[in-house]
Amino acid sequence: MQRLYQFHQGTLIPHWFVGAVLIAAAAANIDPAATALATPFVPQSDDEKSKENDADQERVYSGPQPGEKITPFKVLRVKDDQAKELDIVKETKGTTLICFVHRLSNDDRILFGLGLVDFYASRHKELTSHIVLLSDDRAKMIEMLKGWTRGKVFTKSLLSVFTDGLEGPGSYGLNRNVAMTVLVAKGNKVVDNMVFQAPNYRDLETIMVAVAKALGKPEPTLSKVQQELRAERQRQADKKIKASPVFKLAPNAQLGRIMFGMVNPRGNRSKNAQRRGQQLLDWAGDSKERKSALKKYCKAVLTGDFNLDRYSRPALKKLAEE
């Protein structure tokens, strides 16, 4: 079953343009053969044939098409602070997802979005997932991916940089003028080829649906995967907070969570210290018992082995003295 993608030119900043995906769907529990027989044959008009030809001419091609084989090629796989040469196809078995990223946006939003695909891929042990950057500035891409792997945005996909520049593997016929080429292969044979000019979240759903079909799994929806990802990240955050020494020092869980945010600031550190300080005061309120507990807790954090910044330390000192 073929898909026709209408691509929209445009920037990923400040908004992603939504790409339209037209998918021919079969009705549930209906035999396709019986449906075809029950449907009268209506010949195409000359205008309809002309439109189909125009659409085919406008379609953007990049990479091996369905039915063609994927051949071995070498990349530099980046993990933490290491970059190691890897032959993708030789190291791959079963179902494979390969996302060739030809062009990054100014804020790398393509990679941010692919984190959602990576999360979906992590649910399937039988899937191998690759994200391959194509660039003539290999050193710059390696340093960027080192940061991404340290940040744990991707847990399943192997992040890599193609060893020989922007064009990608010569035998693949990749189109350098598109933003991303995505291949889904099974047994080293392409079962789906997707090309994106300005990827958006609906395109991410298209990728996940293609992977599900190759795996024989139920088709995922964007909203459901996003919901599952948010829940998983919340579980991981809760686990990290509860394991922290500053949380264990707290007289109760609510106070421990606030203090964790004080000791581990995100974003603007000055505003974070002000906001967390106010939250601590709000927790204590007018209760003498809570105020006493807060002072004791702040003193314990100040004298403990915590890496307090120049904003959180004075805020805690003030609370410890009040």
Protein backbone atom coordinates (compact mmCIF):
# COMPACT_ATOMS: atom_id res chain seq x y z
CA MET A 1 0.00 0.00 0.00
CA GLN A 2 1.60 3.24 -1.13
CA ARG A 3 1.56 6.54 0.70
CA LEU A 4 1.53 9.90 -0.96
CA TYR A 5 3.19 12.63 1.05
CA GLN A 6 2.69 16.29 0.36
CA PHE A 7 5.73 18.17 1.56
CA HIS A 8 5.71 21.76 2.67
CA GLN A 9 8.73 23.99 2.43
CA GLY A 10 9.37 26.12 5.47
CA THR A 11 11.39 26.66 8.60
CA LEU A 12 11.06 24.72 11.79
CA ILE A 13 11.20 27.97 13.75
CA PRO A 14 8.99 29.29 15.24
CA HIS A 15 6.42 26.79 14.05
CA TRP A 16 6.52 23.43 12.36
CA PHE A 17 4.37 23.30 9.28
CA VAL A 18 2.02 20.39 9.38
CA GLY A 19 2.54 17.90 6.54
CA ALA A 20 -0.45 16.08 5.14
CA VAL A 21 -0.32 12.30 5.01
CA LEU A 22 -2.84 10.44 2.90
CA ILE A 23 -3.12 6.77 3.89
CA ALA A 24 -5.41 4.28 2.21
CA ALA A 25 -7.22 2.48 5.08
CA ALA A 26 -9.01 -0.85 5.06
CA ALA A 27 -12.25 -1.21 7.02
CA ALA A 28 -12.05 -3.49 10.05
CA ASN A 29 -13.15 -7.10 9.61
CA ILE A 30 -13.89 -6.64 5.90
CA ASP A 31 -12.25 -8.85 3.32
CA PRO A 32 -10.38 -6.53 0.89
CA ALA A 33 -11.04 -8.92 -1.98
CA ALA A 34 -14.77 -8.95 -1.27
CA THR A 35 -14.80 -5.16 -1.03
CA ALA A 36 -13.04 -4.86 -4.39
CA LEU A 37 -15.52 -7.19 -6.01
CA ALA A 38 -18.46 -5.28 -4.54
CA THR A 39 -17.16 -1.93 -5.80
CA PRO A 40 -18.05 -1.04 -9.40
CA PHE A 41 -15.06 -0.27 -11.61
CA VAL A 42 -15.03 3.36 -12.68
CA PRO A 43 -12.46 4.23 -15.37
CA GLN A 44 -10.23 7.25 -14.71
CA SER A 45 -10.88 10.41 -16.66
CA ASP A 46 -8.05 12.11 -18.55
CA ASP A 47 -8.02 14.87 -15.88
CA GLU A 48 -7.61 12.33 -13.08
CA LYS A 49 -4.77 10.59 -14.92
CA SER A 50 -3.10 13.95 -15.48
CA LYS A 51 -3.33 14.78 -11.75
CA GLU A 52 -1.79 11.43 -10.83
CA ASN A 53 1.09 12.01 -13.24
CA ASP A 54 1.67 15.50 -11.84
CA ALA A 55 1.69 14.16 -8.27
CA ASP A 56 4.18 11.45 -9.21
CA GLN A 57 6.45 14.06 -10.82
CA GLU A 58 6.28 16.26 -7.70
CA ARG A 59 7.15 13.42 -5.35
CA VAL A 60 10.59 13.79 -3.80
CA TYR A 61 12.77 10.68 -3.94
CA SER A 62 15.63 9.90 -1.59
CA GLY A 63 17.24 6.60 -0.70
CA PRO A 64 16.37 2.98 -1.49
CA GLN A 65 12.73 2.36 -2.32
CA PRO A 66 10.51 -0.43 -0.93
CA GLY A 67 11.70 -3.81 -2.15
CA GLU A 68 15.32 -2.70 -2.54
CA LYS A 69 18.08 -3.89 -0.22
CA ILE A 70 20.05 -1.79 2.23
CA THR A 71 23.79 -2.31 1.87
CA PRO A 72 26.51 -1.98 4.53
CA PHE A 73 28.01 1.44 5.26
CA LYS A 74 30.24 2.78 8.01
CA VAL A 75 29.46 5.46 10.57
CA LEU A 76 31.06 6.82 13.71
CA ARG A 77 28.78 5.84 16.56
CA VAL A 78 28.82 8.42 19.36
CA LYS A 79 28.17 7.43 22.96
CA ASP A 80 29.13 9.57 25.95
CA ASP A 81 32.64 10.82 25.08
CA GLN A 82 33.51 8.05 22.64
CA ALA A 83 33.19 7.84 18.83
CA LYS A 84 33.61 4.31 17.49
CA GLU A 85 33.40 3.07 13.90
CA LEU A 86 30.41 0.87 13.21
CA ASP A 87 28.98 -0.85 10.13
CA ILE A 88 25.25 -0.32 10.51
CA VAL A 89 23.88 -3.07 8.28
CA LYS A 90 26.37 -5.73 9.42
CA GLU A 91 25.44 -5.03 13.04
CA THR A 92 21.70 -5.07 12.36
CA LYS A 93 19.27 -7.98 12.53
CA GLY A 94 15.52 -8.18 12.16
CA THR A 95 13.63 -4.91 11.70
CA THR A 96 15.67 -1.75 11.25
CA LEU A 97 14.84 1.95 11.42
CA ILE A 98 17.37 4.35 9.88
CA CYS A 99 16.81 8.11 10.07
CA PHE A 100 19.24 10.01 7.86
CA VAL A 101 19.27 13.62 9.06
CA HIS A 102 20.46 15.77 6.16
CA ARG A 103 19.71 19.16 7.63
CA LEU A 104 19.37 20.34 11.20
CA SER A 105 17.27 23.34 12.16
CA ASN A 106 18.81 26.23 14.05
CA ASP A 107 17.80 24.73 17.39
CA ASP A 108 18.14 21.05 16.44
CA ARG A 109 14.40 20.47 16.69
CA ILE A 110 14.58 17.51 14.35
CA LEU A 111 16.58 15.65 16.97
CA PHE A 112 14.27 16.82 19.77
CA GLY A 113 11.34 15.33 17.86
CA LEU A 114 13.14 12.08 17.16
CA GLY A 115 13.36 11.56 20.91
CA LEU A 116 9.68 10.62 20.73
CA VAL A 117 10.39 8.06 18.01
CA ASP A 118 13.28 6.75 20.11
CA PHE A 119 10.96 6.30 23.09
CA TYR A 120 8.53 4.32 20.94
CA ALA A 121 11.41 2.23 19.57
CA SER A 122 12.59 1.46 23.11
CA ARG A 123 9.37 -0.51 23.65
CA HIS A 124 10.39 -3.05 21.00
CA LYS A 125 13.43 -5.24 21.63
CA GLU A 126 13.21 -6.73 18.13
CA LEU A 127 13.84 -3.31 16.55
CA THR A 128 17.23 -1.72 15.83
CA SER A 129 17.06 2.06 15.56
CA HIS A 130 19.69 4.36 14.03
CA ILE A 131 19.92 8.14 13.73
CA VAL A 132 22.64 9.11 11.26
CA LEU A 133 23.75 12.71 10.80
CA LEU A 134 25.11 13.72 7.40
CA SER A 135 27.52 16.64 7.49
CA ASP A 136 30.83 17.84 6.08
CA ASP A 137 31.72 19.08 9.58
CA ARG A 138 32.14 15.71 11.22
CA ALA A 139 33.98 17.04 14.30
CA LYS A 140 31.19 19.49 15.09
CA MET A 141 28.49 16.82 14.77
CA ILE A 142 30.44 14.42 17.01
CA GLU A 143 30.73 17.02 19.76
CA MET A 144 27.03 17.82 19.48
CA LEU A 145 26.03 14.15 19.74
CA LYS A 146 28.28 13.66 22.76
CA GLY A 147 26.15 16.23 24.53
CA TRP A 148 22.97 14.50 23.40
CA THR A 149 24.10 11.09 24.66
CA ARG A 150 25.14 12.54 28.03
CA GLY A 151 21.69 14.11 28.30
CA LYS A 152 20.02 10.68 27.93
CA VAL A 153 17.49 12.02 25.42
CA PHE A 154 17.96 8.85 23.37
CA THR A 155 17.94 5.48 25.13
CA LYS A 156 17.36 3.06 22.25
CA SER A 157 18.66 4.61 19.03
CA LEU A 158 22.31 4.46 18.08
CA LEU A 159 23.49 8.00 17.29
CA SER A 160 26.14 8.35 14.64
CA VAL A 161 27.79 10.53 12.01
CA PHE A 162 28.39 9.23 8.50
CA THR A 163 32.12 8.86 7.95
CA ASP A 164 32.35 10.36 4.44
CA GLY A 165 30.39 13.60 4.48
CA LEU A 166 27.14 15.20 3.48
CA GLU A 167 26.17 12.97 0.55
CA GLY A 168 25.75 9.82 2.62
CA PRO A 169 26.43 6.28 1.36
CA GLY A 170 26.96 6.50 -2.42
CA SER A 171 24.85 3.44 -3.24
CA TYR A 172 21.84 4.83 -1.33
CA GLY A 173 21.07 7.74 -3.64
CA LEU A 174 20.12 10.09 -0.82
CA ASN A 175 18.76 13.53 -1.69
CA ARG A 176 20.84 16.15 0.15
CA ASN A 177 18.19 18.82 -0.45
CA VAL A 178 15.67 17.28 1.96
CA ALA A 179 15.74 17.53 5.75
CA MET A 180 15.40 13.84 6.55
CA THR A 181 15.18 10.45 4.84
CA VAL A 182 13.74 7.59 6.89
CA LEU A 183 13.99 3.92 5.98
CA VAL A 184 12.26 0.98 7.61
CA ALA A 185 13.80 -2.34 6.60
CA LYS A 186 13.06 -5.94 7.41
CA GLY A 187 15.63 -8.61 6.71
CA ASN A 188 17.79 -5.88 5.10
CA LYS A 189 15.06 -5.13 2.56
CA VAL A 190 13.29 -1.74 2.59
CA VAL A 191 9.59 -1.96 3.43
CA ASP A 192 8.99 1.79 3.79
CA ASN A 193 10.73 4.95 2.59
CA MET A 194 9.74 8.38 3.94
CA VAL A 195 11.14 11.75 2.91
CA PHE A 196 10.57 14.94 4.87
CA GLN A 197 11.29 18.54 3.97
CA ALA A 198 10.21 20.15 7.26
CA PRO A 199 9.45 17.37 9.76
CA ASN A 200 6.69 17.98 12.30
CA TYR A 201 5.05 15.90 15.02
CA ARG A 202 2.53 14.36 12.64
CA ASP A 203 5.46 13.12 10.56
CA LEU A 204 6.86 11.50 13.69
CA GLU A 205 3.58 9.62 14.02
CA THR A 206 3.95 8.51 10.39
CA ILE A 207 7.39 7.07 11.19
CA MET A 208 6.07 5.21 14.24
CA VAL A 209 3.14 3.80 12.28
CA ALA A 210 5.54 2.52 9.59
CA VAL A 211 7.65 0.82 12.26
CA ALA A 212 4.55 -0.74 13.84
CA LYS A 213 3.47 -2.18 10.50
CA ALA A 214 6.89 -3.71 9.92
CA LEU A 215 6.81 -5.26 13.39
CA GLY A 216 3.22 -6.42 13.06
CA LYS A 217 2.19 -4.31 16.05
CA PRO A 218 -0.92 -2.14 16.60
CA GLU A 219 -0.58 1.31 15.07
CA PRO A 220 0.40 3.94 17.65
CA THR A 221 -1.12 7.40 17.89
CA LEU A 222 0.90 10.53 18.51
CA SER A 223 -1.11 11.56 21.57
CA LYS A 224 -0.81 8.15 23.22
CA VAL A 225 2.97 7.93 22.75
CA GLN A 226 3.38 11.49 24.04
CA GLN A 227 1.28 10.63 27.09
CA GLU A 228 3.33 7.49 27.74
CA LEU A 229 6.58 9.44 27.36
CA ARG A 230 5.45 12.11 29.83
CA ALA A 231 4.47 9.43 32.34
CA GLU A 232 7.80 7.63 31.93
CA ARG A 233 9.79 10.85 32.35
CA GLN A 234 7.80 11.66 35.48
CA ARG A 235 8.57 8.21 36.89
CA GLN A 236 12.27 8.68 36.17
CA ALA A 237 12.26 12.16 37.72
CA ASP A 238 10.50 10.86 40.85
CA LYS A 239 13.02 8.04 41.11
CA LYS A 240 15.93 10.47 40.84
CA ILE A 241 14.46 12.85 43.43
CA LYS A 242 13.74 10.09 45.95
CA ALA A 243 17.28 8.72 45.56
CA SER A 244 18.91 12.11 46.23
CA PRO A 245 20.53 12.84 49.64
CA VAL A 246 18.77 16.20 49.89
CA PHE A 247 15.39 14.46 49.63
CA LYS A 248 16.33 11.92 52.27
CA LEU A 249 17.21 14.74 54.68
CA ALA A 250 13.76 16.31 54.32
CA PRO A 251 11.18 16.08 57.12
CA ASN A 252 8.54 15.23 54.48
CA ALA A 253 8.27 14.47 50.76
CA GLN A 254 6.78 17.82 49.70
CA LEU A 255 9.61 19.78 51.31
CA GLY A 256 12.16 17.37 49.85
CA ARG A 257 10.87 17.91 46.33
CA ILE A 258 11.06 21.69 46.67
CA MET A 259 14.58 21.53 48.08
CA PHE A 260 15.66 19.18 45.29
CA GLY A 261 14.62 21.88 42.83
CA MET A 262 16.60 24.45 44.82
CA VAL A 263 19.76 22.35 44.86
CA ASN A 264 19.38 21.19 41.24
CA PRO A 265 18.26 24.35 39.42
CA ARG A 266 16.98 24.40 35.85
CA GLY A 267 16.76 27.45 33.61
CA ASN A 268 17.38 30.88 35.12
CA ARG A 269 19.15 30.16 38.42
CA SER A 270 18.34 33.50 40.03
CA LYS A 271 14.61 33.15 39.34
CA ASN A 272 14.73 29.50 40.37
CA ALA A 273 16.20 30.38 43.79
CA GLN A 274 13.53 33.06 44.31
CA ARG A 275 10.72 30.73 43.27
CA ARG A 276 11.92 27.78 45.35
CA GLY A 277 12.54 30.04 48.35
CA GLN A 278 8.96 31.30 48.17
CA GLN A 279 7.68 27.72 47.89
CA LEU A 280 9.59 26.81 51.06
CA LEU A 281 8.08 29.79 52.87
CA ASP A 282 4.61 28.88 51.63
CA TRP A 283 5.10 25.34 52.93
CA ALA A 284 5.94 26.64 56.40
CA GLY A 285 3.15 29.23 56.44
CA ASP A 286 2.25 30.49 59.93
CA SER A 287 2.97 27.19 61.63
CA LYS A 288 5.68 27.50 64.30
CA GLU A 289 6.34 23.79 64.04
CA ARG A 290 6.85 23.96 60.28
CA LYS A 291 8.99 27.09 60.50
CA SER A 292 11.25 25.33 62.99
CA ALA A 293 11.47 22.25 60.78
CA LEU A 294 12.29 24.44 57.74
CA LYS A 295 15.11 26.26 59.57
CA LYS A 296 16.61 22.97 60.69
CA TYR A 297 16.35 21.53 57.19
CA CYS A 298 17.94 24.58 55.54
CA LYS A 299 20.86 24.46 58.00
CA ALA A 300 21.38 20.76 57.25
CA VAL A 301 21.48 21.45 53.51
CA LEU A 302 23.87 24.40 53.97
CA THR A 303 26.32 22.28 55.99
CA GLY A 304 25.89 19.20 53.83
CA ASP A 305 27.92 18.15 50.83
CA PHE A 306 25.77 19.88 48.22
CA ASN A 307 26.92 21.96 45.27
CA LEU A 308 24.90 25.09 45.99
CA ASP A 309 25.17 27.94 43.48
CA ARG A 310 25.56 31.64 44.28
CA TYR A 311 21.78 32.16 44.24
CA SER A 312 20.51 29.20 46.23
CA ARG A 313 23.06 29.50 49.06
CA PRO A 314 22.07 33.03 50.20
CA ALA A 315 18.39 32.15 49.81
CA LEU A 316 18.82 29.18 52.14
CA LYS A 317 20.88 31.21 54.61
CA LYS A 318 18.06 33.74 54.85
CA LEU A 319 15.52 30.97 55.48
CA ALA A 320 17.77 29.35 58.11
CA GLU A 321 18.01 32.63 60.03
CA GLU A 322 14.34 33.64 59.93
